[in-house]
C-alpha cells in the first residue's frame, strides 16, 4: 500500500501542550463497535454479477486487495486484469475493453482516479459514452494517511464531467444493490466505495436503491438533513440523538450525486419552517452541498436557513481516523452539536 509523506510522528506542536494526531487507526473501519457489518460487499456483488453477465471484467491498478476486487479475482481469475501502478493506462485499457463489447469494472483509490487519470476518463471514456464502471476506495476522509490518499475533492472534479453518473452509497446493502443497477445503466459511472467490513444501516428503514433517486429515510418537523455516503449513517445516528433532546430531524439520503434528484430535494425543502443541513464526506466546495444550494436557488426555494457539514477547504491532517472525524466535524457527536447550535441561533 502506498504511504503518504504526510504521516507525522506524535510530538508537541510549537512547544504547546497540544499533541499532534497519532498514526494509529489510520484506516480504521467506519463501523461503530456494536454495529453489524458485511465483508467486501462490492467484491462479492461483482463476483455474483459476473456469473450471469459474460461482459463483466475486473481491472485494477495494483490495488485489488484494497478495493475488494480480490474477491472477484478469486472467483473469476480469467476475467481479472492487473494493470500495475499506472492509472492512466488502466483507464485507457478499460476504454479499449468497452469498445470491444466488455463491461470493465475499474478499481483504484479515488485520489488516483480523480487527480492522476482525470483527462483519460474524460476524453477516452466519458466523451465516448463508454460502458466503464469506475469504483474507487478511500473517498473523502475515510483514511488517515493525509492529503496524498484523502480524496476530499473528487465529487467537485467529476460533477463537471459530462456523461458521467456519480454515486456515493451509504452502506453494505446499498453497495450490493447498486452493482446490478450500475450494470444495467448504459454509460460511464463513478462510484465511491466503502470497503472491507462495511456497516449495515439502511435495512432497518426498508430502503431500496434506485439509480437517480433520493429517499426520505425518516421525517421530522424541525430540521432536514440531506446526506450521502457515510454521512447518511451519521445523520441517522444524529437524528436519534436529537430526538432524545426534543429535536425532530428528517433525513433525506441522496446516493446519486449526478444526475441529482432535484424534484425530491425541492419538494422536501419546500416543507415550511425547517432548517436545511447538507452533510457530506467531501469538501464544502463543489460537492453535494453546493449542488443542493444551486438546485434550490434555481427553483426559487428559500428555506429559513441553509447550512453545510463537510470538510474544510484545506489539506487535511494525517492521523487516527476517529480523531480526524471529530476534528473536522463528521462524527455523530459533531453533527448533533452543529444542528443543535444552528437551531438555537
Protein backbone atom coordinates (compact mmCIF):
# COMPACT_ATOMS: atom_id res chain seq x y z
CA UNK A 1 0.00 0.00 0.00
CA UNK A 2 1.36 3.40 -0.96
CA UNK A 3 2.18 5.52 2.06
CA UNK A 4 1.85 9.26 2.38
CA UNK A 5 4.72 11.63 3.02
CA UNK A 6 2.33 13.49 5.32
CA UNK A 7 2.39 10.88 8.10
CA UNK A 8 3.95 12.57 11.10
CA UNK A 9 5.01 11.16 14.46
CA UNK A 10 3.31 12.24 17.65
CA UNK A 11 5.01 15.21 19.29
CA UNK A 12 4.13 18.53 20.88
CA UNK A 13 3.31 21.22 18.36
CA UNK A 14 5.25 24.50 18.55
CA UNK A 15 6.10 23.87 22.18
CA UNK A 16 2.43 23.77 23.20
CA UNK A 17 0.71 21.08 25.23
CA UNK A 18 -1.40 20.07 22.21
CA UNK A 19 -0.11 16.78 20.77
CA UNK A 20 -0.25 16.02 17.09
CA UNK A 21 -2.59 13.26 15.99
CA UNK A 22 -1.18 9.77 16.23
CA UNK A 23 -0.90 7.49 13.22
CA UNK A 24 -2.84 4.60 14.76
CA UNK A 25 -6.22 3.55 13.32
CA UNK A 26 -5.49 5.39 10.08
CA UNK A 27 -7.67 3.06 8.07
CA UNK A 28 -10.00 2.08 10.90
CA UNK A 29 -13.43 0.78 10.00
CA UNK A 30 -16.15 3.43 9.95
CA UNK A 31 -18.41 0.95 11.74
CA UNK A 32 -19.28 1.51 15.37
CA UNK A 33 -18.16 -1.04 17.99
CA UNK A 34 -21.56 -2.78 18.11
CA UNK A 35 -22.60 -2.17 14.52
CA UNK A 36 -23.42 -5.06 12.21
CA UNK A 37 -21.19 -5.25 9.14
CA UNK A 38 -20.83 -7.26 5.94
CA UNK A 39 -17.41 -8.04 4.42
CA UNK A 40 -16.46 -6.85 0.93
CA UNK A 41 -19.97 -6.12 -0.37
CA UNK A 42 -18.68 -4.71 -3.66
CA UNK A 43 -16.35 -7.61 -4.44
CA UNK A 44 -19.00 -10.20 -3.63
CA UNK A 45 -21.71 -8.40 -5.59
CA UNK A 46 -19.49 -8.04 -8.65
CA UNK A 47 -18.45 -11.71 -8.49
CA UNK A 48 -22.13 -12.67 -8.37
CA UNK A 49 -22.95 -10.37 -11.28
CA UNK A 50 -20.20 -11.88 -13.42
CA UNK A 51 -21.69 -15.34 -13.04
CA UNK A 52 -24.67 -14.23 -15.11
CA UNK A 53 -23.12 -11.50 -17.26
CA UNK A 54 -20.26 -12.57 -19.52
CA UNK A 55 -19.37 -8.96 -20.39
CA UNK A 56 -18.06 -8.20 -16.91
CA UNK A 57 -14.31 -7.94 -16.39
CA UNK A 58 -12.39 -6.59 -13.39
CA UNK A 59 -9.39 -4.27 -13.70
CA UNK A 60 -7.14 -2.74 -11.05
CA UNK A 61 -4.00 -0.65 -10.69
CA UNK A 62 -2.22 -2.82 -8.12
CA UNK A 63 -4.96 -2.26 -5.51
CA UNK A 64 -7.32 -5.23 -5.89
CA UNK A 65 -6.87 -6.20 -2.23
CA UNK A 66 -7.67 -2.67 -1.06
CA UNK A 67 -10.76 -2.22 -3.26
CA UNK A 68 -12.27 -5.66 -2.53
CA UNK A 69 -11.70 -6.66 -6.16
CA UNK A 70 -9.62 -9.59 -4.90
CA UNK A 71 -12.95 -11.37 -4.25
CA UNK A 72 -13.81 -11.05 -7.93
CA UNK A 73 -10.26 -12.12 -8.88
CA UNK A 74 -10.58 -15.30 -6.84
CA UNK A 75 -13.95 -16.16 -8.39
CA UNK A 76 -13.09 -15.21 -11.99
CA UNK A 77 -9.28 -15.24 -12.42
CA UNK A 78 -9.53 -15.39 -16.21
CA UNK A 79 -11.53 -12.14 -16.25
CA UNK A 80 -9.26 -10.10 -13.98
CA UNK A 81 -6.60 -7.73 -15.31
CA UNK A 82 -3.81 -6.34 -13.15
CA UNK A 83 -2.52 -3.16 -14.80
CA UNK A 84 0.16 -2.22 -12.26
CA UNK A 85 0.72 1.24 -10.78
CA UNK A 86 -0.43 3.01 -13.94
CA UNK A 87 -3.85 4.61 -13.51
CA UNK A 88 -3.82 6.37 -16.87
CA UNK A 89 -3.03 3.09 -18.62
CA UNK A 90 -5.78 1.46 -16.55
CA UNK A 91 -8.42 3.89 -17.84
CA UNK A 92 -7.25 3.71 -21.46
CA UNK A 93 -7.25 -0.09 -21.33
CA UNK A 94 -10.75 -0.06 -19.86
CA UNK A 95 -11.88 2.18 -22.72
CA UNK A 96 -10.47 -0.33 -25.20
CA UNK A 97 -12.18 -3.24 -23.46
CA UNK A 98 -15.50 -1.37 -23.53
CA UNK A 99 -15.12 -0.71 -27.26
CA UNK A 100 -14.76 -4.46 -27.75
CA UNK A 101 -18.06 -5.16 -26.02
CA UNK A 102 -16.88 -5.91 -22.49
CA UNK A 103 -18.07 -4.10 -19.38
CA UNK A 104 -14.94 -3.15 -17.43
CA UNK A 105 -15.20 -2.55 -13.68
CA UNK A 106 -12.16 -0.48 -12.78
CA UNK A 107 -10.93 -0.04 -9.22
CA UNK A 108 -8.29 2.11 -7.61
CA UNK A 109 -8.18 4.79 -4.93
CA UNK A 110 -10.37 7.83 -5.52
CA UNK A 111 -7.38 10.18 -5.41
CA UNK A 112 -5.64 8.30 -8.20
CA UNK A 113 -8.69 8.16 -10.47
CA UNK A 114 -9.58 11.81 -9.99
CA UNK A 115 -6.19 13.50 -9.86
CA UNK A 116 -3.98 11.28 -11.99
CA UNK A 117 -6.36 9.92 -14.60
CA UNK A 118 -8.96 12.68 -15.00
CA UNK A 119 -8.12 13.57 -18.61
CA UNK A 120 -8.12 9.91 -19.66
CA UNK A 121 -11.52 9.30 -18.06
CA UNK A 122 -12.86 12.47 -19.64
CA UNK A 123 -11.72 12.01 -23.23
CA UNK A 124 -11.34 8.24 -23.60
CA UNK A 125 -14.40 7.16 -21.56
CA UNK A 126 -16.91 9.92 -20.82
CA UNK A 127 -16.77 11.75 -24.14
CA UNK A 128 -17.23 8.44 -25.95
CA UNK A 129 -20.03 7.39 -23.57
CA UNK A 130 -18.33 4.06 -22.99
CA UNK A 131 -19.74 1.49 -20.59
CA UNK A 132 -16.95 1.66 -17.98
CA UNK A 133 -17.69 1.46 -14.25
CA UNK A 134 -15.09 3.20 -12.07
CA UNK A 135 -15.30 2.17 -8.42
CA UNK A 136 -12.91 3.92 -6.05
CA UNK A 137 -11.96 3.35 -2.43
CA UNK A 138 -10.90 5.88 0.23
CA UNK A 139 -13.35 8.64 -0.71
CA UNK A 140 -13.25 11.83 1.34
CA UNK A 141 -11.98 11.34 4.87
CA UNK A 142 -12.01 7.52 5.08
CA UNK A 143 -8.26 7.20 5.60
CA UNK A 144 -5.87 8.94 7.93
CA UNK A 145 -2.93 8.82 5.51
CA UNK A 146 -3.02 12.51 4.69
CA UNK A 147 -3.66 14.52 1.51
CA UNK A 148 -1.96 12.05 -0.83
CA UNK A 149 -4.68 9.49 -0.04
CA UNK A 150 -7.69 11.59 1.02
CA UNK A 151 -9.98 12.23 -1.96
CA UNK A 152 -11.67 15.27 -0.46
CA UNK A 153 -12.44 16.94 -3.81
CA UNK A 154 -13.32 14.03 -6.14
CA UNK A 155 -17.02 14.90 -6.41
CA UNK A 156 -16.23 18.50 -7.29
CA UNK A 157 -13.92 17.32 -10.07
CA UNK A 158 -16.23 14.68 -11.53
CA UNK A 159 -19.50 16.61 -11.25
CA UNK A 160 -18.29 18.87 -14.04
CA UNK A 161 -17.62 15.97 -16.42
CA UNK A 162 -20.42 15.44 -18.97
CA UNK A 163 -21.98 11.97 -19.39
CA UNK A 164 -20.67 10.70 -16.03
CA UNK A 165 -23.09 9.25 -13.46
CA UNK A 166 -21.83 9.65 -9.87
CA UNK A 167 -22.81 7.56 -6.83
CA UNK A 168 -21.97 7.83 -3.13
CA UNK A 169 -23.60 4.82 -1.40
CA UNK A 170 -24.15 4.64 2.34
CA UNK A 171 -23.69 1.05 3.46
CA UNK A 172 -23.09 -2.58 2.52
CA UNK A 173 -26.67 -3.31 1.42
CA UNK A 174 -26.76 -0.26 -0.83
CA UNK A 175 -23.45 -1.17 -2.47
CA UNK A 176 -24.80 -4.66 -3.14
CA UNK A 177 -27.95 -3.20 -4.70
CA UNK A 178 -26.05 -0.56 -6.67
CA UNK A 179 -23.80 -3.02 -8.51
CA UNK A 180 -26.53 -4.67 -10.64
CA UNK A 181 -28.21 -1.29 -11.13
CA UNK A 182 -24.97 0.18 -12.46
CA UNK A 183 -24.52 -2.83 -14.74
CA UNK A 184 -27.83 -2.19 -16.49
CA UNK A 185 -27.14 1.54 -16.84
CA UNK A 186 -25.62 2.33 -20.23
CA UNK A 187 -22.61 4.61 -19.90
CA UNK A 188 -19.78 5.54 -17.56
CA UNK A 189 -20.25 5.54 -13.79
CA UNK A 190 -18.06 6.75 -10.95
CA UNK A 191 -18.92 5.20 -7.57
CA UNK A 192 -17.29 5.99 -4.24
CA UNK A 193 -16.55 2.77 -2.39
CA UNK A 194 -16.70 1.82 1.28
CA UNK A 195 -14.57 -1.31 1.50
CA UNK A 196 -13.69 -4.06 3.97
CA UNK A 197 -16.22 -4.66 6.74
CA UNK A 198 -18.91 -2.19 5.74
CA UNK A 199 -21.74 -1.30 8.15
CA UNK A 200 -25.35 -2.32 7.57
CA UNK A 201 -27.56 0.68 8.24
CA UNK A 202 -30.37 1.08 5.72
CA UNK A 203 -32.10 -2.30 6.04
CA UNK A 204 -33.99 -1.21 9.17
CA UNK A 205 -35.56 1.59 7.11
CA UNK A 206 -36.79 -0.74 4.37
CA UNK A 207 -34.59 1.07 1.89
CA UNK A 208 -34.31 0.03 -1.77
CA UNK A 209 -31.72 1.62 -4.02
CA UNK A 210 -32.89 3.27 -7.23
CA UNK A 211 -30.38 4.91 -9.54
CA UNK A 212 -31.03 8.65 -9.67
CA UNK A 213 -33.44 8.71 -6.72
CA UNK A 214 -33.16 10.29 -3.29
CA UNK A 215 -35.10 8.64 -0.46
CA UNK A 216 -36.55 10.09 2.74
CA UNK A 217 -35.45 7.68 5.45
CA UNK A 218 -37.17 9.46 8.33
CA UNK A 219 -39.37 12.53 8.56
CA UNK A 220 -39.14 15.39 11.02
CA UNK A 221 -40.53 18.86 11.60
CA UNK A 222 -37.53 20.82 12.95
CA UNK A 223 -34.69 20.15 10.52
CA UNK A 224 -33.99 18.32 7.27
CA UNK A 225 -30.57 16.69 6.92
CA UNK A 226 -29.69 15.93 3.30
CA UNK A 227 -26.79 13.50 3.12
CA UNK A 228 -24.88 10.96 1.07
CA UNK A 229 -22.38 8.17 1.66
CA UNK A 230 -21.17 7.51 5.18
CA UNK A 231 -22.68 10.82 6.33
CA UNK A 232 -26.14 9.28 6.00
CA UNK A 233 -25.10 6.85 8.74
CA UNK A 234 -24.01 9.79 10.86
CA UNK A 235 -27.16 11.76 10.06
CA UNK A 236 -29.41 8.88 11.11
CA UNK A 237 -27.50 8.40 14.37
CA UNK A 238 -27.57 12.14 14.99
CA UNK A 239 -31.33 12.21 14.35
CA UNK A 240 -31.85 9.55 17.02
CA UNK A 241 -29.79 11.56 19.49
CA UNK A 242 -31.55 14.79 18.58
CA UNK A 243 -34.90 13.07 19.19
CA UNK A 244 -33.83 12.44 22.78
CA UNK A 245 -33.14 16.17 23.09
CA UNK A 246 -36.55 17.13 21.74
CA UNK A 247 -35.44 17.89 18.16
CA UNK A 248 -37.36 16.24 15.32
CA UNK A 249 -34.94 15.63 12.43
CA UNK A 250 -35.71 14.30 8.96
CA UNK A 251 -33.01 12.55 6.90
CA UNK A 252 -33.02 12.57 3.09
CA UNK A 253 -30.46 10.16 1.62
CA UNK A 254 -29.03 11.18 -1.78
CA UNK A 255 -26.92 8.31 -3.15
CA UNK A 256 -26.88 9.61 -6.72
CA UNK A 257 -24.90 12.83 -6.84
CA UNK A 258 -25.28 13.15 -10.61
CA UNK A 259 -27.91 13.22 -12.01
CA UNK A 260 -29.28 14.79 -8.84
CA UNK A 261 -32.88 14.04 -7.82
CA UNK A 262 -33.80 17.71 -7.88
CA UNK A 263 -37.56 17.10 -7.71
CA UNK A 264 -37.38 15.25 -4.38
CA UNK A 265 -34.91 17.72 -2.89
CA UNK A 266 -37.07 20.70 -3.88
CA UNK A 267 -40.22 19.05 -2.57
CA UNK A 268 -38.66 18.30 0.82
CA UNK A 269 -37.10 21.74 1.16
CA UNK A 270 -40.45 23.39 0.38
CA UNK A 271 -41.93 21.89 3.52
CA UNK A 272 -42.04 25.02 5.62
CA UNK A 273 -40.10 26.09 8.65
CA UNK A 274 -37.24 23.57 8.64
CA UNK A 275 -33.53 24.24 8.89
CA UNK A 276 -31.85 22.52 5.91
CA UNK A 277 -28.46 20.93 6.57
CA UNK A 278 -26.41 19.16 3.90
CA UNK A 279 -23.91 16.65 5.31
CA UNK A 280 -21.23 15.13 3.10
CA UNK A 281 -17.87 13.38 3.34
CA UNK A 282 -16.29 15.85 0.93
CA UNK A 283 -15.02 19.39 0.89
CA UNK A 284 -17.75 22.02 1.17
CA UNK A 285 -16.51 23.26 -2.22
CA UNK A 286 -18.25 21.78 -5.24
CA UNK A 287 -19.94 18.71 -3.74
CA UNK A 288 -23.45 17.78 -2.66
CA UNK A 289 -23.94 20.92 -0.56
CA UNK A 290 -23.34 23.30 -3.42
CA UNK A 291 -25.33 21.07 -5.78
CA UNK A 292 -28.33 21.29 -3.44
CA UNK A 293 -27.86 25.02 -2.92
CA UNK A 294 -27.78 25.62 -6.67
CA UNK A 295 -30.88 23.48 -7.16
CA UNK A 296 -32.81 25.46 -4.54
CA UNK A 297 -31.64 28.82 -5.91
CA UNK A 298 -32.72 27.97 -9.46
CA UNK A 299 -36.09 26.75 -8.20
CA UNK A 300 -36.63 29.86 -6.08
CA UNK A 301 -36.85 27.82 -2.86
CA UNK A 302 -35.50 29.58 0.23
CA UNK A 303 -35.55 27.56 3.48
CA UNK A 304 -35.38 29.54 6.75
CA UNK A 305 -31.69 28.63 6.96
CA UNK A 306 -29.24 26.54 4.94
CA UNK A 307 -26.07 25.06 6.46
CA UNK A 308 -23.31 22.67 5.37
CA UNK A 309 -21.48 19.92 7.21
CA UNK A 310 -18.43 18.90 5.26
CA UNK A 311 -14.69 19.05 5.10
CA UNK A 312 -12.93 22.43 5.10
CA UNK A 313 -11.30 23.88 2.01
CA UNK A 314 -7.82 22.82 3.05
CA UNK A 315 -5.43 19.87 3.02
CA UNK A 316 -6.30 17.67 5.99
CA UNK A 317 -4.10 16.26 8.74
CA UNK A 318 -2.88 12.70 8.90
CA UNK A 319 -3.79 10.70 11.97
CA UNK A 320 -6.28 8.39 13.64
CA UNK A 321 -9.49 8.33 11.64
CA UNK A 322 -11.96 8.64 14.57
CA UNK A 323 -9.99 11.62 15.86
CA UNK A 324 -9.99 13.24 12.44
CA UNK A 325 -13.76 12.79 12.10
CA UNK A 326 -14.19 14.64 15.38
CA UNK A 327 -11.72 17.33 14.39
CA UNK A 328 -13.35 18.01 11.03
CA UNK A 329 -16.96 17.70 12.16
CA UNK A 330 -18.01 14.40 10.56
CA UNK A 331 -18.63 12.37 13.73
CA UNK A 332 -22.14 11.76 15.03
CA UNK A 333 -21.38 13.90 18.07
CA UNK A 334 -20.22 16.85 15.96
CA UNK A 335 -23.20 16.58 13.59
CA UNK A 336 -25.57 16.56 16.56
CA UNK A 337 -23.86 19.54 18.18
CA UNK A 338 -23.86 21.53 14.94
CA UNK A 339 -27.57 21.02 14.31
CA UNK A 340 -28.48 21.96 17.89
CA UNK A 341 -26.33 25.11 17.64
CA UNK A 342 -27.91 26.20 14.37
CA UNK A 343 -31.43 25.58 15.66
CA UNK A 344 -30.75 27.72 18.73
CA UNK A 345 -29.48 30.76 16.80
